[in-house]
Protein backbone atom coordinates (compact mmCIF):
# COMPACT_ATOMS: atom_id res chain seq x y z
CA MET A 1 0.00 0.00 0.00
CA SER A 2 1.39 3.34 -1.01
CA LEU A 3 2.21 6.00 1.54
CA ARG A 4 -0.36 8.33 -0.01
CA LEU A 5 -3.14 5.74 0.34
CA LYS A 6 -2.20 5.09 3.96
CA ARG A 7 -2.41 8.80 4.71
CA MET A 8 -5.82 9.04 3.05
CA LYS A 9 -7.19 6.14 5.10
CA GLU A 10 -5.75 7.56 8.30
CA LYS A 11 -7.38 10.89 7.52
CA GLU A 12 -10.73 9.15 6.96
CA ARG A 13 -10.42 7.37 10.33
CA ARG A 14 -9.70 10.68 12.07
CA GLU A 15 -12.72 12.30 10.41
CA ARG A 16 -14.96 9.39 11.48
CA ARG A 17 -13.71 9.68 15.06
CA LYS A 18 -14.46 13.41 15.03
CA ARG A 19 -17.99 12.76 13.76
CA TYR A 20 -18.55 10.09 16.42
CA ILE A 21 -17.33 12.46 19.14
CA VAL A 22 -19.67 15.21 17.91
CA VAL A 23 -22.65 12.83 17.77
CA ILE A 24 -21.90 11.44 21.24
CA GLY A 25 -21.49 14.97 22.60
CA ILE A 26 -24.85 16.06 21.19
CA ALA A 27 -26.51 12.93 22.60
CA VAL A 28 -25.04 13.54 26.06
CA ILE A 29 -26.22 17.16 26.03
CA ALA A 30 -29.70 16.12 24.88
CA ILE A 31 -29.96 13.45 27.60
CA THR A 32 -28.73 15.89 30.24
CA ILE A 33 -31.31 18.48 29.20
CA ALA A 34 -34.07 15.86 29.14
CA VAL A 35 -33.17 14.58 32.61
CA TYR A 36 -32.97 18.12 33.99
CA TYR A 37 -36.30 19.08 32.41
CA ALA A 38 -37.97 15.96 33.77
CA LYS A 39 -36.62 16.72 37.23
CA GLU A 40 -37.69 20.37 37.16
CA THR A 41 -41.07 20.10 35.46
CA GLY A 42 -42.07 16.47 35.79
CA THR A 43 -45.11 15.12 37.58
CA TYR A 44 -45.37 16.48 41.10
CA LYS A 45 -45.67 13.85 43.81
CA ASN A 46 -47.55 15.90 46.39
CA SER A 47 -50.31 18.48 46.46
CA ARG A 48 -52.31 20.61 48.87
CA VAL A 49 -55.54 22.50 48.28
CA TRP A 50 -57.16 25.11 50.51
CA SER A 51 -60.78 25.77 49.52
CA PHE A 52 -61.40 27.49 52.91
CA ASP A 53 -64.90 25.98 52.98
CA SER A 54 -64.47 24.07 56.26
CA TYR A 55 -63.58 27.11 58.38
CA ALA A 56 -65.89 29.25 60.47
CA LYS A 57 -66.74 32.77 59.42
CA GLY A 58 -64.35 35.47 60.63
CA VAL A 59 -61.34 33.26 61.45
CA ILE A 60 -57.84 32.96 60.02
CA PRO A 61 -57.44 29.47 58.50
CA GLU A 62 -55.38 26.97 60.47
CA GLY A 63 -51.73 26.95 59.42
CA PHE A 64 -51.85 30.56 58.19
CA SER A 65 -50.55 33.74 59.80
CA SER A 66 -51.23 37.33 58.77
CA THR A 67 -49.24 40.55 58.96
CA ASP A 68 -52.34 42.51 60.07
CA LYS A 69 -55.98 42.11 61.09
CA HIS A 70 -57.51 42.63 57.65
CA TRP A 71 -57.78 38.96 56.62
CA SER A 72 -60.75 36.73 57.42
CA ILE A 73 -63.04 33.97 56.17
CA ILE A 74 -66.44 35.05 54.93
CA ALA A 75 -69.33 32.82 53.92
CA ASP A 76 -71.05 34.21 50.85
CA HIS A 77 -72.42 32.07 48.04
CA ASP A 78 -72.48 35.02 45.66
CA LEU A 79 -68.85 36.06 46.25
CA ALA A 80 -67.10 32.70 46.49
CA TYR A 81 -65.40 31.16 43.45
CA SER A 82 -66.07 27.70 44.91
CA LYS A 83 -68.95 27.96 47.35
CA PRO A 84 -69.53 28.67 50.13
CA ASN A 85 -66.43 30.30 51.70
CA VAL A 86 -63.83 32.77 50.51
CA ILE A 87 -60.88 34.61 52.06
CA MET A 88 -61.36 38.38 52.17
CA HIS A 89 -58.78 41.11 52.53
CA SER A 90 -60.43 44.33 53.65
CA SER A 91 -58.96 47.72 52.82
CA SER A 92 -57.06 49.35 55.68
CA LYS A 93 -57.24 53.00 56.69
CA ASP A 94 -53.46 53.33 56.45
CA GLY A 95 -53.53 51.85 52.98
CA ASP A 96 -56.21 54.32 51.91
CA ASN A 97 -53.99 57.19 53.02
CA ALA A 98 -50.87 55.79 51.41
CA SER A 99 -50.00 56.93 47.92
CA ASP A 100 -49.42 54.40 45.17
CA ASN A 101 -45.94 55.10 43.82
CA SER A 102 -45.85 52.01 41.64
CA SER A 103 -43.83 52.22 38.45
CA SER A 104 -43.65 49.59 35.76
CA SER A 105 -40.53 47.75 34.69
CA SER A 106 -41.78 48.14 31.12
CA ASN A 107 -40.11 51.55 31.23
CA SER A 108 -36.73 49.93 31.84
CA SER A 109 -34.47 47.97 29.55
CA ASN A 110 -35.96 44.49 29.35
CA ASP A 111 -35.41 41.49 27.10
CA GLY A 112 -37.97 38.90 26.11
CA ASP A 113 -37.30 36.78 29.18
CA GLY A 114 -37.94 39.57 31.63
CA ASN A 115 -34.29 40.12 32.52
CA GLY A 116 -34.48 43.89 32.48
CA ALA A 117 -33.29 46.38 35.05
CA ASP A 118 -35.04 46.16 38.40
CA THR A 119 -37.44 49.03 39.01
CA ASN A 120 -37.96 50.52 42.46
CA VAL A 121 -41.69 50.41 43.14
CA ASP A 122 -42.11 51.28 46.81
CA THR A 123 -40.00 51.82 49.88
CA SER A 124 -42.43 50.96 52.71
CA SER A 125 -43.42 47.37 53.49
CA TYR A 126 -46.40 48.55 55.58
CA LEU A 127 -48.18 49.25 52.28
CA TYR A 128 -48.58 45.49 51.80
CA SER A 129 -50.63 42.90 53.63
CA LEU A 130 -49.81 39.17 53.64
CA LEU A 131 -51.45 35.92 54.68
CA ILE A 132 -48.81 33.17 54.73
CA ASN A 133 -49.12 29.41 55.06
CA SER A 134 -46.31 28.29 57.36
CA GLU A 135 -46.78 24.53 56.95
CA GLY A 136 -44.29 24.01 54.12
CA VAL A 137 -41.18 25.36 52.40
CA TYR A 138 -41.02 24.75 48.65
CA SER A 139 -38.43 25.11 45.88
CA ASN A 140 -39.81 23.31 42.78
CA PHE A 141 -43.58 23.61 42.53
CA LYS A 142 -46.70 24.92 40.82
CA ALA A 143 -48.96 27.15 42.93
CA SER A 144 -52.20 28.91 42.01
CA VAL A 145 -55.05 30.94 43.47
CA ASN A 146 -58.21 32.64 42.26
CA VAL A 147 -58.32 36.39 42.94
CA LYS A 148 -60.99 39.07 42.61
CA ILE A 149 -60.41 42.79 43.26
CA THR A 150 -63.08 45.35 44.08
CA GLY A 151 -61.89 48.87 43.27
CA ASN A 152 -58.55 50.04 41.90
CA GLY A 153 -56.16 47.91 43.90
CA SER A 154 -53.70 45.04 43.49
CA ALA A 155 -53.59 41.52 44.89
CA GLY A 156 -51.83 38.26 44.18
CA LEU A 157 -49.93 35.09 45.03
CA VAL A 158 -46.85 35.07 47.28
CA PHE A 159 -44.09 32.45 46.93
CA ARG A 160 -40.47 31.92 48.01
CA PHE A 161 -41.53 33.75 51.18
CA ILE A 162 -38.80 33.95 53.84
CA ASP A 163 -40.10 36.93 55.81
CA SER A 164 -42.00 40.17 55.14
CA SER A 165 -38.86 41.68 53.57
CA HIS A 166 -37.92 38.72 51.34
CA TYR A 167 -40.42 37.15 48.93
CA PHE A 168 -41.85 37.13 45.40
CA VAL A 169 -45.40 38.02 44.36
CA LEU A 170 -47.38 37.58 41.15
CA MET A 171 -50.07 40.27 41.18
CA VAL A 172 -52.97 41.63 39.20
CA ASP A 173 -53.05 45.43 39.33
CA ALA A 174 -56.40 47.02 38.47
CA ALA A 175 -55.12 50.57 38.99
CA ASN A 176 -52.45 50.20 36.28
CA ASP A 177 -53.94 47.39 34.13
CA ARG A 178 -51.01 45.02 34.44
CA PHE A 179 -49.96 41.55 35.55
CA SER A 180 -46.63 41.78 37.35
CA LEU A 181 -43.89 39.65 38.86
CA CYS A 182 -42.31 41.52 41.77
CA ARG A 183 -39.66 40.79 44.38
CA MET A 184 -39.62 42.24 47.87
CA ASP A 185 -36.16 43.26 48.98
CA PRO A 186 -35.59 44.92 52.36
CA GLY A 187 -37.42 48.25 52.23
CA ARG A 188 -38.62 48.12 48.62
CA LEU A 189 -40.75 46.14 46.21
CA LEU A 190 -39.14 45.65 42.79
CA CYS A 191 -41.31 44.95 39.75
CA LEU A 192 -39.16 42.72 37.53
CA HIS A 193 -41.49 41.95 34.63
CA ASP A 194 -44.90 43.32 33.62
CA ALA A 195 -47.54 42.39 31.06
CA SER A 196 -50.13 44.96 30.01
CA VAL A 197 -53.52 43.37 30.67
CA SER A 198 -56.93 44.93 31.25
CA ILE A 199 -57.78 44.01 34.86
CA GLU A 200 -61.49 44.35 35.60
CA ASN A 201 -63.11 44.92 38.97
CA ASP A 202 -65.35 42.21 40.44
CA ARG A 203 -64.00 39.52 38.12
CA TRP A 204 -62.20 36.34 39.13
CA TYR A 205 -58.67 35.80 37.78
CA ASN A 206 -56.54 32.69 38.16
CA ILE A 207 -52.89 33.38 38.99
CA THR A 208 -50.43 30.48 38.63
CA ALA A 209 -46.69 30.35 39.33
CA HIS A 210 -44.48 27.60 37.91
CA VAL A 211 -41.30 27.82 39.97
CA SER A 212 -38.07 25.86 39.66
CA THR A 213 -34.54 26.45 40.89
CA GLN A 214 -33.82 28.19 37.58
CA ALA A 215 -36.90 30.10 36.49
CA ILE A 216 -40.27 31.59 37.41
CA VAL A 217 -43.15 31.53 34.92
CA GLY A 218 -46.29 33.51 35.67
CA TYR A 219 -49.66 32.53 34.19
CA LEU A 220 -52.84 34.58 34.13
CA ASP A 221 -55.97 32.55 33.36
CA GLY A 222 -53.77 29.82 31.89
CA GLU A 223 -51.71 32.10 29.64
CA PRO A 224 -47.92 32.22 30.27
CA LEU A 225 -47.33 35.98 30.27
CA LEU A 226 -44.22 36.40 32.43
CA LYS A 227 -40.88 34.60 32.64
CA ARG A 228 -37.92 35.44 34.82
CA TYR A 229 -34.61 33.73 35.52
CA ASP A 230 -34.05 34.68 39.14
CA GLN A 231 -32.22 32.79 41.87
CA HIS A 232 -33.04 35.11 44.76
CA TYR A 233 -34.70 33.31 47.69
CA MET A 234 -34.41 29.80 46.24
CA SER A 235 -37.12 28.35 48.48
CA GLY A 236 -39.82 29.56 50.80
CA MET A 237 -43.46 29.49 51.84
CA ILE A 238 -46.54 30.46 49.82
CA GLY A 239 -49.45 32.73 50.63
CA LEU A 240 -51.71 35.61 49.64
CA TRP A 241 -50.86 39.27 49.11
CA ALA A 242 -52.74 42.55 48.79
CA ARG A 243 -51.87 46.20 48.79
CA SER A 244 -53.17 47.59 52.06
CA ASN A 245 -55.70 49.87 50.35
CA THR A 246 -57.18 46.96 48.35
CA SER A 247 -60.39 45.07 48.97
CA ALA A 248 -59.95 41.62 47.45
CA PHE A 249 -61.22 38.05 47.62
CA PHE A 250 -59.21 34.82 47.31
CA ASP A 251 -60.32 31.23 46.79
CA ASP A 252 -58.88 27.77 46.08
CA LEU A 253 -55.20 28.18 46.91
CA GLN A 254 -53.32 25.14 45.56
CA ILE A 255 -49.76 23.87 45.40
CA TYR A 256 -48.23 20.87 43.61
CA TYR A 257 -44.70 19.92 44.63
């Protein structure tokens, strides 16, 4: 066999090895992504549902704690999403006197995944009222709640809650017609990603958060409107949230984890 032919065959073998390495590399990456995706978004093994229907009127549900006295169970077949009971947040006097200094992150530089500059919304945590379930701490989960606002206020779903200065909230904002993902840092609430949506008074909305260790996806009535890659507060409790000057109703809080 001539030297030239040997060199050609050796070159072919090297090219085949390179192709095999590339194919194997792609396969390994694909398998890794598939395993990760299955781990992060696969079937949840556990679930909890709070319909609030078994509690007496006027009480705070067992396992929940509130930051003020404006949360309570009411029994009203006309108001409840799933009859008969609903959680009500009543507007506070302090909240009525507090100005709404909210500003939207849509005015800041923002890419399609919601990774824009954080926008300072407020500097006083007393403007917000929370009802937190303290029975579990979650990192990978899907949580949802039905919310109805009366008047020009804002209310939503809290998750990754550590304390009243460290948490996330997905909110509907009737005053500014938006659906927002916000993060509470000490002394200020930062709106990270907004979607312009007409929010009507006296209408039920379903807010859902799909949360993993890598990303947060916010759904409004089943539509994925917000996405944020954010690793602040990697785990925490869930609960309900309202601006203090907001009258709102909540029903059917659920979590799958």
